């Protein structure tokens, strides 16, 4: 297995950057660029560089420890797509960025109403199992094998609004009949509200281990 870590990074969150420095794999870090540009560039890079077997999405507001990434890569040996688990944001530590099978994915973005996301103590309650098949996931450290990656549109849920790539992937995967599996033992911390995106001039870093 030879994964490429894709890090779309409009922000500079110290705790996340510190965790990234411990991840001993090749990294494609795209700084301060609009999401549409970052994902298009990453897709082109991965398709060109066929030496990589897996594409790993590492959001710049998610703390990913080496042991967590290691477990997901082991999972990816027998799964097409596998995610970790994370909280919605700092204000909702017990609400998780995954939705049950059968959730509504017909719109341009996910249903964010109360009860749409799995929760710790309220319905829908997160089950006490290891692997959970879901209808939508926020793609917490998502690992995608090459065969599946090449089938994904990478257009975003609403390209004109520059976002919702995880939601569009949920739509694509449902249409392809490829399950989204979440390893509930890989629980990461999501720091979405800690820092606003930086509007500086964008650039790309390719770091080889």
N, C-alpha and C. Protein backbone atom coordinates (compact mmCIF):
# COMPACT_ATOMS: atom_id res chain seq x y z
N UNK A 1 0.84 -1.20 0.00
CA UNK A 1 0.00 0.00 0.00
C UNK A 1 0.88 1.25 0.00
N UNK A 2 0.49 2.22 -0.83
CA UNK A 2 1.25 3.47 -0.92
C UNK A 2 0.26 4.64 -0.97
N UNK A 3 -0.18 5.15 0.18
CA UNK A 3 -1.19 6.21 0.19
C UNK A 3 -0.60 7.59 -0.05
N UNK A 4 -1.42 8.46 -0.62
CA UNK A 4 -1.11 9.88 -0.73
C UNK A 4 -2.04 10.63 0.21
N UNK A 5 -1.49 11.45 1.09
CA UNK A 5 -2.31 12.25 2.00
C UNK A 5 -2.60 13.60 1.34
N UNK A 6 -3.88 13.86 1.11
CA UNK A 6 -4.32 15.13 0.53
C UNK A 6 -4.78 16.03 1.66
N UNK A 7 -4.17 17.22 1.74
CA UNK A 7 -4.46 18.15 2.83
C UNK A 7 -4.88 19.51 2.27
N UNK A 8 -6.18 19.68 2.00
CA UNK A 8 -6.67 21.00 1.57
C UNK A 8 -6.68 21.92 2.80
N UNK A 9 -5.92 23.00 2.76
CA UNK A 9 -5.65 23.73 4.00
C UNK A 9 -5.80 25.24 3.85
N UNK A 10 -7.02 25.77 4.06
CA UNK A 10 -7.20 27.22 4.06
C UNK A 10 -6.86 27.86 5.40
N UNK A 11 -6.56 27.05 6.41
CA UNK A 11 -6.28 27.57 7.76
C UNK A 11 -4.93 27.06 8.27
N UNK A 12 -4.52 27.61 9.40
CA UNK A 12 -3.29 27.18 10.06
C UNK A 12 -3.59 26.94 11.53
N UNK A 13 -4.02 25.73 11.85
CA UNK A 13 -4.37 25.37 13.21
C UNK A 13 -3.19 24.61 13.82
N UNK A 14 -2.52 25.17 14.81
CA UNK A 14 -1.29 24.58 15.33
C UNK A 14 -1.41 23.11 15.72
N UNK A 15 -2.48 22.74 16.41
CA UNK A 15 -2.60 21.36 16.86
C UNK A 15 -2.71 20.40 15.69
N UNK A 16 -3.40 20.82 14.63
CA UNK A 16 -3.53 19.98 13.45
C UNK A 16 -2.20 19.87 12.72
N UNK A 17 -1.51 20.98 12.55
CA UNK A 17 -0.23 20.97 11.86
C UNK A 17 0.80 20.11 12.61
N UNK A 18 0.74 20.17 13.92
CA UNK A 18 1.65 19.35 14.72
C UNK A 18 1.38 17.86 14.49
N UNK A 19 0.10 17.50 14.43
CA UNK A 19 -0.25 16.11 14.18
C UNK A 19 0.17 15.68 12.77
N UNK A 20 -0.02 16.56 11.79
CA UNK A 20 0.39 16.24 10.42
C UNK A 20 1.87 15.90 10.33
N UNK A 21 2.68 16.61 11.09
CA UNK A 21 4.13 16.42 11.01
C UNK A 21 4.54 15.01 11.42
N UNK A 22 3.67 14.30 12.12
CA UNK A 22 3.97 12.95 12.59
C UNK A 22 3.51 11.87 11.61
N UNK A 23 2.80 12.26 10.56
CA UNK A 23 2.26 11.29 9.61
C UNK A 23 3.30 11.00 8.53
N UNK A 24 3.85 9.81 8.54
CA UNK A 24 5.02 9.48 7.73
C UNK A 24 4.64 8.92 6.36
N UNK A 25 3.94 9.76 5.58
CA UNK A 25 3.57 9.39 4.22
C UNK A 25 3.70 10.62 3.33
N UNK A 26 3.72 10.42 2.02
CA UNK A 26 3.77 11.55 1.10
C UNK A 26 2.53 12.41 1.30
N UNK A 27 2.74 13.73 1.23
CA UNK A 27 1.65 14.69 1.48
C UNK A 27 1.53 15.68 0.34
N UNK A 28 0.29 15.91 -0.08
CA UNK A 28 -0.01 16.98 -1.03
C UNK A 28 -0.81 18.02 -0.25
N UNK A 29 -0.14 19.12 0.09
CA UNK A 29 -0.76 20.17 0.91
C UNK A 29 -1.07 21.36 0.01
N UNK A 30 -2.33 21.70 -0.10
CA UNK A 30 -2.75 22.81 -0.94
C UNK A 30 -3.26 23.93 -0.03
N UNK A 31 -2.47 25.00 0.05
CA UNK A 31 -2.71 26.06 1.01
C UNK A 31 -3.50 27.23 0.42
N UNK A 32 -4.51 27.66 1.17
CA UNK A 32 -5.23 28.93 0.94
C UNK A 32 -5.96 29.02 -0.40
N UNK A 33 -6.13 27.90 -1.09
CA UNK A 33 -6.85 27.95 -2.36
C UNK A 33 -8.33 27.61 -2.14
N UNK A 34 -9.21 28.14 -2.99
CA UNK A 34 -10.63 27.76 -2.90
C UNK A 34 -10.78 26.25 -3.02
N UNK A 35 -11.81 25.70 -2.38
CA UNK A 35 -11.99 24.26 -2.34
C UNK A 35 -12.10 23.65 -3.73
N UNK A 36 -12.79 24.34 -4.63
CA UNK A 36 -12.94 23.84 -5.99
C UNK A 36 -11.57 23.64 -6.64
N UNK A 37 -10.69 24.61 -6.48
CA UNK A 37 -9.35 24.52 -7.07
C UNK A 37 -8.53 23.44 -6.40
N UNK A 38 -8.62 23.37 -5.07
CA UNK A 38 -7.82 22.40 -4.33
C UNK A 38 -8.17 20.97 -4.71
N UNK A 39 -9.46 20.66 -4.76
CA UNK A 39 -9.87 19.30 -5.09
C UNK A 39 -9.58 18.95 -6.55
N UNK A 40 -9.73 19.90 -7.44
CA UNK A 40 -9.42 19.65 -8.86
C UNK A 40 -7.94 19.37 -9.04
N UNK A 41 -7.12 20.14 -8.36
CA UNK A 41 -5.67 19.96 -8.45
C UNK A 41 -5.25 18.61 -7.86
N UNK A 42 -5.83 18.26 -6.72
CA UNK A 42 -5.49 17.00 -6.07
C UNK A 42 -5.92 15.81 -6.93
N UNK A 43 -7.10 15.90 -7.51
CA UNK A 43 -7.58 14.82 -8.37
C UNK A 43 -6.65 14.61 -9.55
N UNK A 44 -6.24 15.69 -10.19
CA UNK A 44 -5.34 15.61 -11.34
C UNK A 44 -4.00 14.99 -10.93
N UNK A 45 -3.49 15.39 -9.77
CA UNK A 45 -2.20 14.89 -9.28
C UNK A 45 -2.28 13.39 -9.02
N UNK A 46 -3.33 12.95 -8.33
CA UNK A 46 -3.45 11.54 -7.98
C UNK A 46 -3.64 10.67 -9.22
N UNK A 47 -4.44 11.12 -10.16
CA UNK A 47 -4.66 10.34 -11.38
C UNK A 47 -3.36 10.21 -12.18
N UNK A 48 -2.53 11.23 -12.16
CA UNK A 48 -1.27 11.20 -12.88
C UNK A 48 -0.26 10.29 -12.20
N UNK A 49 -0.22 10.32 -10.88
CA UNK A 49 0.79 9.58 -10.13
C UNK A 49 0.23 8.22 -9.71
N UNK A 50 0.34 7.29 -10.62
CA UNK A 50 -0.27 5.97 -10.41
C UNK A 50 0.49 5.10 -9.43
N UNK A 51 1.61 5.61 -8.93
CA UNK A 51 2.33 4.85 -7.91
C UNK A 51 1.57 4.81 -6.58
N UNK A 52 0.62 5.73 -6.41
CA UNK A 52 -0.17 5.76 -5.18
C UNK A 52 -1.39 4.85 -5.30
N UNK A 53 -1.63 4.08 -4.26
CA UNK A 53 -2.74 3.12 -4.27
C UNK A 53 -4.00 3.66 -3.61
N UNK A 54 -3.83 4.62 -2.69
CA UNK A 54 -4.96 5.14 -1.92
C UNK A 54 -4.86 6.65 -1.76
N UNK A 55 -6.00 7.30 -1.77
CA UNK A 55 -6.12 8.75 -1.61
C UNK A 55 -6.74 8.99 -0.23
N UNK A 56 -6.05 9.76 0.60
CA UNK A 56 -6.50 9.98 1.98
C UNK A 56 -6.81 11.47 2.18
N UNK A 57 -8.05 11.78 2.53
CA UNK A 57 -8.46 13.17 2.72
C UNK A 57 -8.24 13.57 4.18
N UNK A 58 -7.37 14.53 4.38
CA UNK A 58 -7.01 15.00 5.74
C UNK A 58 -7.42 16.46 5.86
N UNK A 59 -8.58 16.73 6.42
CA UNK A 59 -9.07 18.10 6.57
C UNK A 59 -8.16 18.88 7.52
N UNK A 60 -8.07 20.18 7.29
CA UNK A 60 -7.12 20.98 8.08
C UNK A 60 -7.69 21.43 9.42
N UNK A 61 -8.85 20.88 9.79
CA UNK A 61 -9.41 21.17 11.11
C UNK A 61 -9.67 19.88 11.88
N UNK A 62 -8.97 18.82 11.46
CA UNK A 62 -9.15 17.50 12.07
C UNK A 62 -7.80 17.00 12.59
N UNK A 63 -7.76 16.65 13.87
CA UNK A 63 -6.53 16.15 14.48
C UNK A 63 -6.42 14.64 14.19
N UNK A 64 -5.40 14.27 13.42
CA UNK A 64 -5.21 12.87 13.01
C UNK A 64 -3.89 12.38 13.59
N UNK A 65 -3.97 11.41 14.46
CA UNK A 65 -2.76 10.84 15.05
C UNK A 65 -2.27 9.67 14.18
N UNK A 66 -0.95 9.41 14.20
CA UNK A 66 -0.41 8.32 13.37
C UNK A 66 -1.09 6.97 13.61
N UNK A 67 -1.40 6.65 14.85
CA UNK A 67 -2.04 5.36 15.13
C UNK A 67 -3.43 5.29 14.51
N UNK A 68 -4.13 6.42 14.46
CA UNK A 68 -5.47 6.44 13.87
C UNK A 68 -5.40 6.22 12.36
N UNK A 69 -4.48 6.92 11.72
CA UNK A 69 -4.30 6.73 10.29
C UNK A 69 -3.88 5.29 10.00
N UNK A 70 -3.02 4.74 10.84
CA UNK A 70 -2.57 3.37 10.66
C UNK A 70 -3.71 2.38 10.68
N UNK A 71 -4.65 2.56 11.60
CA UNK A 71 -5.80 1.65 11.68
C UNK A 71 -6.65 1.76 10.42
N UNK A 72 -6.89 2.98 9.95
CA UNK A 72 -7.72 3.16 8.74
C UNK A 72 -7.04 2.57 7.52
N UNK A 73 -5.73 2.66 7.43
CA UNK A 73 -5.02 2.06 6.30
C UNK A 73 -5.12 0.53 6.36
N UNK A 74 -5.09 -0.02 7.55
CA UNK A 74 -5.30 -1.47 7.68
C UNK A 74 -6.72 -1.85 7.24
N UNK A 75 -7.70 -1.03 7.64
CA UNK A 75 -9.08 -1.27 7.20
C UNK A 75 -9.19 -1.24 5.67
N UNK A 76 -8.45 -0.29 5.08
CA UNK A 76 -8.55 -0.07 3.63
C UNK A 76 -8.01 -1.24 2.82
N UNK A 77 -7.33 -2.16 3.48
CA UNK A 77 -6.86 -3.36 2.78
C UNK A 77 -8.04 -4.21 2.29
N UNK A 78 -9.19 -4.07 2.97
CA UNK A 78 -10.35 -4.88 2.57
C UNK A 78 -11.63 -4.05 2.43
N UNK A 79 -11.49 -2.73 2.31
CA UNK A 79 -12.64 -1.85 2.10
C UNK A 79 -12.33 -0.87 0.98
N UNK A 80 -13.34 -0.51 0.19
CA UNK A 80 -13.15 0.47 -0.88
C UNK A 80 -13.02 1.89 -0.33
N UNK A 81 -13.85 2.18 0.66
CA UNK A 81 -13.87 3.50 1.30
C UNK A 81 -14.04 3.30 2.80
N UNK A 82 -13.20 3.94 3.59
CA UNK A 82 -13.35 3.84 5.03
C UNK A 82 -13.01 5.19 5.66
N UNK A 83 -13.81 5.57 6.66
CA UNK A 83 -13.64 6.83 7.38
C UNK A 83 -13.42 6.57 8.85
N UNK A 84 -12.85 7.57 9.51
CA UNK A 84 -12.87 7.59 10.96
C UNK A 84 -14.13 8.29 11.43
N UNK A 85 -14.22 8.48 12.73
CA UNK A 85 -15.37 9.14 13.35
C UNK A 85 -14.91 10.45 13.96
N UNK A 86 -15.70 11.51 13.79
CA UNK A 86 -15.37 12.78 14.45
C UNK A 86 -16.64 13.48 14.89
N UNK A 87 -16.48 14.40 15.82
CA UNK A 87 -17.58 15.24 16.28
C UNK A 87 -17.92 16.28 15.21
N UNK A 88 -19.13 16.82 15.29
CA UNK A 88 -19.55 17.86 14.35
C UNK A 88 -18.68 19.11 14.49
N UNK A 89 -18.54 19.58 15.71
CA UNK A 89 -17.65 20.70 16.02
C UNK A 89 -17.44 20.76 17.53
N UNK A 90 -16.70 21.77 17.99
CA UNK A 90 -16.36 21.86 19.41
C UNK A 90 -17.58 22.03 20.30
N UNK A 91 -18.61 22.68 19.79
CA UNK A 91 -19.80 22.91 20.60
C UNK A 91 -20.71 21.69 20.68
N UNK A 92 -20.44 20.68 19.83
CA UNK A 92 -21.26 19.47 19.81
C UNK A 92 -20.36 18.22 19.86
N UNK A 93 -19.68 18.02 20.97
CA UNK A 93 -18.72 16.91 21.04
C UNK A 93 -19.37 15.53 20.99
N UNK A 94 -20.65 15.44 21.32
CA UNK A 94 -21.33 14.15 21.34
C UNK A 94 -22.30 13.98 20.18
N UNK A 95 -22.16 14.83 19.17
CA UNK A 95 -22.89 14.66 17.91
C UNK A 95 -21.84 14.41 16.83
N UNK A 96 -22.06 13.37 16.04
CA UNK A 96 -21.00 12.90 15.15
C UNK A 96 -21.33 13.18 13.68
N UNK A 97 -20.30 13.40 12.89
CA UNK A 97 -20.45 13.80 11.49
C UNK A 97 -20.74 12.62 10.57
N UNK A 98 -21.72 11.82 10.94
CA UNK A 98 -22.18 10.70 10.12
C UNK A 98 -23.69 10.60 10.25
N UNK A 99 -24.34 10.16 9.18
CA UNK A 99 -25.79 10.01 9.17
C UNK A 99 -26.16 8.58 8.78
N UNK A 100 -27.28 8.08 9.29
CA UNK A 100 -27.66 6.68 9.05
C UNK A 100 -27.92 6.37 7.58
N UNK A 101 -27.85 5.09 7.25
CA UNK A 101 -28.29 4.64 5.93
C UNK A 101 -29.73 5.10 5.71
N UNK A 102 -30.03 5.48 4.48
CA UNK A 102 -31.37 5.93 4.16
C UNK A 102 -31.59 7.41 4.40
N UNK A 103 -30.56 8.12 4.85
CA UNK A 103 -30.70 9.57 5.06
C UNK A 103 -30.92 10.27 3.72
N UNK A 104 -31.47 11.46 3.79
CA UNK A 104 -31.77 12.22 2.58
C UNK A 104 -30.51 12.84 2.00
N UNK A 105 -30.11 12.39 0.81
CA UNK A 105 -28.94 12.98 0.15
C UNK A 105 -29.32 13.56 -1.21
N UNK A 106 -30.57 13.98 -1.34
CA UNK A 106 -31.06 14.47 -2.63
C UNK A 106 -30.75 15.95 -2.87
N UNK A 107 -30.43 16.70 -1.82
CA UNK A 107 -30.21 18.13 -1.98
C UNK A 107 -28.77 18.47 -2.33
N UNK A 108 -28.44 19.76 -2.14
CA UNK A 108 -27.09 20.23 -2.44
C UNK A 108 -26.16 20.11 -1.23
N UNK A 109 -26.75 19.93 -0.06
CA UNK A 109 -25.95 19.78 1.16
C UNK A 109 -26.72 18.91 2.13
N UNK A 110 -26.05 18.37 3.14
CA UNK A 110 -26.73 17.43 4.04
C UNK A 110 -27.78 18.09 4.91
N UNK A 111 -28.71 17.29 5.36
CA UNK A 111 -29.73 17.72 6.32
C UNK A 111 -29.03 17.95 7.67
N UNK A 112 -29.05 19.16 8.16
CA UNK A 112 -28.38 19.48 9.42
C UNK A 112 -29.37 19.73 10.55
N UNK A 113 -30.61 19.30 10.37
CA UNK A 113 -31.61 19.47 11.41
C UNK A 113 -31.35 18.51 12.57
N UNK A 114 -31.96 18.81 13.72
CA UNK A 114 -31.78 17.97 14.89
C UNK A 114 -32.25 16.55 14.61
N UNK A 115 -31.43 15.58 14.97
CA UNK A 115 -31.79 14.19 14.75
C UNK A 115 -31.29 13.61 13.44
N UNK A 116 -30.64 14.44 12.63
CA UNK A 116 -30.13 13.94 11.35
C UNK A 116 -28.80 13.20 11.52
N UNK A 117 -28.02 13.61 12.53
CA UNK A 117 -26.69 13.04 12.75
C UNK A 117 -26.72 12.06 13.92
N UNK A 118 -25.87 11.06 13.86
CA UNK A 118 -25.74 10.15 15.00
C UNK A 118 -25.27 10.92 16.23
N UNK A 119 -25.78 10.50 17.41
CA UNK A 119 -25.41 11.14 18.66
C UNK A 119 -25.03 10.08 19.70
N UNK A 120 -24.41 10.54 20.76
CA UNK A 120 -23.96 9.62 21.80
C UNK A 120 -25.11 9.07 22.64
N UNK A 121 -26.02 9.95 23.06
CA UNK A 121 -27.06 9.55 24.01
C UNK A 121 -28.48 9.76 23.53
N UNK A 122 -28.65 10.37 22.35
CA UNK A 122 -29.99 10.66 21.84
C UNK A 122 -30.12 10.09 20.44
N UNK A 123 -31.36 9.81 20.05
CA UNK A 123 -31.59 9.19 18.75
C UNK A 123 -31.27 10.16 17.61
N UNK A 124 -30.65 9.62 16.55
CA UNK A 124 -30.18 8.24 16.40
C UNK A 124 -28.90 8.01 17.21
N UNK A 125 -28.93 7.03 18.10
CA UNK A 125 -27.80 6.75 18.98
C UNK A 125 -26.73 5.96 18.22
N UNK A 126 -25.50 6.38 18.37
CA UNK A 126 -24.39 5.68 17.74
C UNK A 126 -24.30 4.26 18.29
N UNK A 127 -24.38 3.25 17.42
CA UNK A 127 -24.36 1.87 17.92
C UNK A 127 -22.99 1.49 18.48
N UNK A 128 -22.99 0.53 19.37
CA UNK A 128 -21.75 0.07 20.00
C UNK A 128 -21.18 -1.12 19.22
N UNK A 129 -20.74 -0.82 18.01
CA UNK A 129 -20.09 -1.80 17.15
C UNK A 129 -18.83 -1.15 16.60
N UNK A 130 -18.04 -1.91 15.89
CA UNK A 130 -16.82 -1.30 15.34
C UNK A 130 -17.06 -0.68 13.97
N UNK A 131 -17.62 -1.47 13.05
CA UNK A 131 -17.79 -0.98 11.68
C UNK A 131 -19.27 -0.66 11.42
N UNK A 132 -19.49 0.55 10.94
CA UNK A 132 -20.86 1.01 10.71
C UNK A 132 -21.00 1.50 9.27
N UNK A 133 -21.96 0.95 8.54
CA UNK A 133 -22.27 1.44 7.20
C UNK A 133 -23.21 2.62 7.33
N UNK A 134 -22.88 3.74 6.67
CA UNK A 134 -23.67 4.97 6.82
C UNK A 134 -24.13 5.47 5.46
N UNK A 135 -25.12 6.39 5.50
CA UNK A 135 -25.60 7.01 4.28
C UNK A 135 -24.80 8.22 3.88
N UNK A 136 -24.27 8.91 4.88
CA UNK A 136 -23.43 10.09 4.63
C UNK A 136 -22.42 10.23 5.76
N UNK A 137 -21.24 10.66 5.40
CA UNK A 137 -20.17 10.88 6.38
C UNK A 137 -19.42 12.15 6.02
N UNK A 138 -18.95 12.84 7.04
CA UNK A 138 -18.13 14.03 6.83
C UNK A 138 -16.73 13.72 6.36
N UNK A 139 -16.46 12.46 6.07
CA UNK A 139 -15.17 12.03 5.48
C UNK A 139 -13.99 12.31 6.40
N UNK A 140 -14.11 11.90 7.65
CA UNK A 140 -13.02 12.11 8.62
C UNK A 140 -11.86 11.18 8.30
N UNK A 141 -10.80 11.76 7.75
CA UNK A 141 -9.62 11.00 7.32
C UNK A 141 -10.03 9.86 6.39
N UNK A 142 -10.82 10.21 5.39
CA UNK A 142 -11.33 9.20 4.45
C UNK A 142 -10.20 8.59 3.63
N UNK A 143 -10.19 7.24 3.54
CA UNK A 143 -9.25 6.50 2.71
C UNK A 143 -10.02 5.87 1.56
N UNK A 144 -9.61 6.19 0.32
CA UNK A 144 -10.29 5.72 -0.88
C UNK A 144 -9.29 4.96 -1.74
N UNK A 145 -9.62 3.76 -2.16
CA UNK A 145 -8.69 3.05 -3.04
C UNK A 145 -8.76 3.64 -4.45
N UNK A 146 -7.73 3.35 -5.24
CA UNK A 146 -7.62 3.99 -6.56
C UNK A 146 -8.79 3.65 -7.47
N UNK A 147 -9.19 2.41 -7.50
CA UNK A 147 -10.28 2.00 -8.38
C UNK A 147 -11.55 2.80 -8.10
N UNK A 148 -11.86 3.00 -6.83
CA UNK A 148 -13.04 3.78 -6.46
C UNK A 148 -12.84 5.26 -6.76
N UNK A 149 -11.66 5.77 -6.44
CA UNK A 149 -11.36 7.18 -6.67
C UNK A 149 -11.62 7.57 -8.12
N UNK A 150 -11.21 6.72 -9.04
CA UNK A 150 -11.33 7.05 -10.46
C UNK A 150 -12.78 7.13 -10.92
N UNK A 151 -13.71 6.63 -10.13
CA UNK A 151 -15.13 6.67 -10.48
C UNK A 151 -15.85 7.88 -9.88
N UNK A 152 -15.21 8.60 -8.98
CA UNK A 152 -15.87 9.72 -8.29
C UNK A 152 -15.81 11.00 -9.11
N UNK A 153 -16.86 11.81 -9.02
CA UNK A 153 -16.96 13.01 -9.85
C UNK A 153 -16.08 14.15 -9.35
N UNK A 154 -15.92 14.27 -8.06
CA UNK A 154 -15.15 15.36 -7.44
C UNK A 154 -15.63 16.74 -7.90
N UNK A 155 -16.94 16.88 -8.00
CA UNK A 155 -17.51 18.16 -8.41
C UNK A 155 -17.96 19.01 -7.23
N UNK A 156 -18.14 18.40 -6.07
CA UNK A 156 -18.70 19.13 -4.94
C UNK A 156 -20.22 19.09 -5.00
N UNK A 157 -20.84 19.24 -3.83
CA UNK A 157 -22.30 19.21 -3.77
C UNK A 157 -22.93 20.36 -4.52
N UNK A 158 -22.26 21.51 -4.47
CA UNK A 158 -22.73 22.70 -5.16
C UNK A 158 -21.51 23.50 -5.57
N UNK A 159 -20.92 23.21 -6.74
CA UNK A 159 -19.67 23.85 -7.12
C UNK A 159 -19.70 25.37 -7.10
N UNK A 160 -20.84 25.97 -7.41
CA UNK A 160 -20.90 27.43 -7.44
C UNK A 160 -20.73 28.03 -6.05
N UNK A 161 -20.98 27.21 -5.01
CA UNK A 161 -20.82 27.69 -3.63
C UNK A 161 -19.56 27.14 -2.99
N UNK A 162 -18.75 26.43 -3.80
CA UNK A 162 -17.42 26.05 -3.37
C UNK A 162 -17.40 25.15 -2.14
N UNK A 163 -18.08 24.01 -2.24
CA UNK A 163 -18.02 23.13 -1.08
C UNK A 163 -18.85 21.86 -1.18
N UNK A 164 -19.00 21.20 -0.03
CA UNK A 164 -19.79 19.98 0.14
C UNK A 164 -19.26 18.82 -0.71
N UNK A 165 -17.94 18.67 -0.74
CA UNK A 165 -17.35 17.55 -1.48
C UNK A 165 -17.67 16.22 -0.81
N UNK A 166 -17.69 16.20 0.51
CA UNK A 166 -18.02 14.95 1.20
C UNK A 166 -19.44 14.51 0.85
N UNK A 167 -20.36 15.47 0.73
CA UNK A 167 -21.75 15.15 0.42
C UNK A 167 -21.90 14.62 -1.01
N UNK A 168 -21.19 15.26 -1.95
CA UNK A 168 -21.24 14.77 -3.32
C UNK A 168 -20.66 13.36 -3.42
N UNK A 169 -19.62 13.09 -2.64
CA UNK A 169 -19.06 11.74 -2.64
C UNK A 169 -20.07 10.73 -2.11
N UNK A 170 -20.85 11.13 -1.11
CA UNK A 170 -21.90 10.23 -0.61
C UNK A 170 -22.90 9.90 -1.72
N UNK A 171 -23.24 10.89 -2.52
CA UNK A 171 -24.16 10.66 -3.65
C UNK A 171 -23.53 9.73 -4.68
N UNK A 172 -22.28 10.02 -5.03
CA UNK A 172 -21.59 9.20 -6.02
C UNK A 172 -21.50 7.74 -5.56
N UNK A 173 -21.11 7.56 -4.30
CA UNK A 173 -20.92 6.21 -3.78
C UNK A 173 -22.23 5.43 -3.72
N UNK A 174 -23.31 6.12 -3.39
CA UNK A 174 -24.61 5.45 -3.39
C UNK A 174 -24.97 5.00 -4.80
N UNK A 175 -24.75 5.87 -5.77
CA UNK A 175 -25.07 5.52 -7.15
C UNK A 175 -24.21 4.36 -7.64
N UNK A 176 -22.96 4.30 -7.17
CA UNK A 176 -22.05 3.24 -7.55
C UNK A 176 -22.26 1.96 -6.74
N UNK A 177 -23.12 2.04 -5.73
CA UNK A 177 -23.37 0.92 -4.82
C UNK A 177 -22.10 0.49 -4.09
N UNK A 178 -21.34 1.51 -3.69
CA UNK A 178 -20.13 1.28 -2.90
C UNK A 178 -20.40 1.78 -1.48
N UNK A 179 -20.30 0.93 -0.47
CA UNK A 179 -20.65 1.36 0.88
C UNK A 179 -19.63 2.31 1.50
N UNK A 180 -20.14 3.22 2.33
CA UNK A 180 -19.28 4.07 3.17
C UNK A 180 -19.22 3.41 4.54
N UNK A 181 -18.04 2.96 4.92
CA UNK A 181 -17.86 2.29 6.21
C UNK A 181 -17.10 3.21 7.15
N UNK A 182 -17.58 3.35 8.37
CA UNK A 182 -16.91 4.15 9.39
C UNK A 182 -16.39 3.21 10.47
N UNK A 183 -15.10 3.33 10.77
CA UNK A 183 -14.51 2.58 11.87
C UNK A 183 -14.71 3.39 13.14
N UNK A 184 -15.65 2.97 13.96
CA UNK A 184 -16.03 3.75 15.14
C UNK A 184 -14.96 3.73 16.23
N UNK A 185 -13.96 2.88 16.08
CA UNK A 185 -12.87 2.87 17.06
C UNK A 185 -11.84 3.95 16.76
N UNK A 186 -11.94 4.55 15.58
CA UNK A 186 -11.00 5.62 15.21
C UNK A 186 -11.72 6.95 15.38
N UNK A 187 -11.64 7.50 16.57
CA UNK A 187 -12.38 8.72 16.91
C UNK A 187 -11.41 9.91 16.98
N UNK A 188 -11.67 10.89 16.13
CA UNK A 188 -10.79 12.07 16.01
C UNK A 188 -11.51 13.34 16.44
N UNK A 189 -10.71 14.34 16.74
CA UNK A 189 -11.26 15.61 17.22
C UNK A 189 -11.35 16.62 16.08
N UNK A 190 -12.55 17.16 15.88
CA UNK A 190 -12.83 18.13 14.83
C UNK A 190 -12.88 19.52 15.45
N UNK A 191 -12.07 20.44 14.89
CA UNK A 191 -11.91 21.77 15.49
C UNK A 191 -12.42 22.85 14.53
N UNK A 192 -13.55 22.62 13.91
CA UNK A 192 -14.01 23.46 12.80
C UNK A 192 -14.04 24.95 13.10
N UNK A 193 -14.45 25.32 14.29
CA UNK A 193 -14.65 26.75 14.56
C UNK A 193 -13.45 27.48 15.12
N UNK A 194 -12.31 26.81 15.22
CA UNK A 194 -11.18 27.42 15.91
C UNK A 194 -10.54 28.57 15.15
N UNK A 195 -10.49 28.47 13.83
CA UNK A 195 -9.83 29.52 13.05
C UNK A 195 -10.52 29.70 11.71
N UNK A 196 -10.64 30.95 11.29
CA UNK A 196 -11.26 31.24 10.01
C UNK A 196 -10.27 31.00 8.87
N UNK A 197 -10.78 30.68 7.68
CA UNK A 197 -9.89 30.48 6.53
C UNK A 197 -9.05 31.72 6.22
N UNK A 198 -7.84 31.47 5.76
CA UNK A 198 -6.91 32.53 5.39
C UNK A 198 -7.10 32.85 3.91
N UNK A 199 -7.14 34.12 3.57
CA UNK A 199 -7.35 34.52 2.19
C UNK A 199 -6.06 34.92 1.49
N UNK A 200 -4.92 34.48 2.02
CA UNK A 200 -3.65 34.78 1.39
C UNK A 200 -3.53 34.08 0.04
N UNK A 201 -2.50 34.45 -0.70
CA UNK A 201 -2.22 33.84 -1.99
C UNK A 201 -1.95 32.36 -1.82
N UNK A 202 -2.59 31.53 -2.64
CA UNK A 202 -2.49 30.09 -2.47
C UNK A 202 -1.25 29.49 -3.10
N UNK A 203 -0.85 28.34 -2.57
CA UNK A 203 0.29 27.62 -3.15
C UNK A 203 0.16 26.13 -2.78
N UNK A 204 0.99 25.31 -3.42
CA UNK A 204 0.94 23.87 -3.22
C UNK A 204 2.28 23.35 -2.75
N UNK A 205 2.25 22.42 -1.79
CA UNK A 205 3.46 21.75 -1.31
C UNK A 205 3.30 20.25 -1.53
N UNK A 206 4.31 19.65 -2.13
CA UNK A 206 4.35 18.19 -2.23
C UNK A 206 5.52 17.73 -1.38
N UNK A 207 5.23 17.06 -0.29
CA UNK A 207 6.26 16.63 0.65
C UNK A 207 6.38 15.12 0.62
N UNK A 208 7.53 14.62 0.28
CA UNK A 208 7.78 13.19 0.29
C UNK A 208 8.39 12.78 1.61
N UNK A 209 7.98 11.62 2.10
CA UNK A 209 8.47 11.18 3.40
C UNK A 209 9.97 10.85 3.33
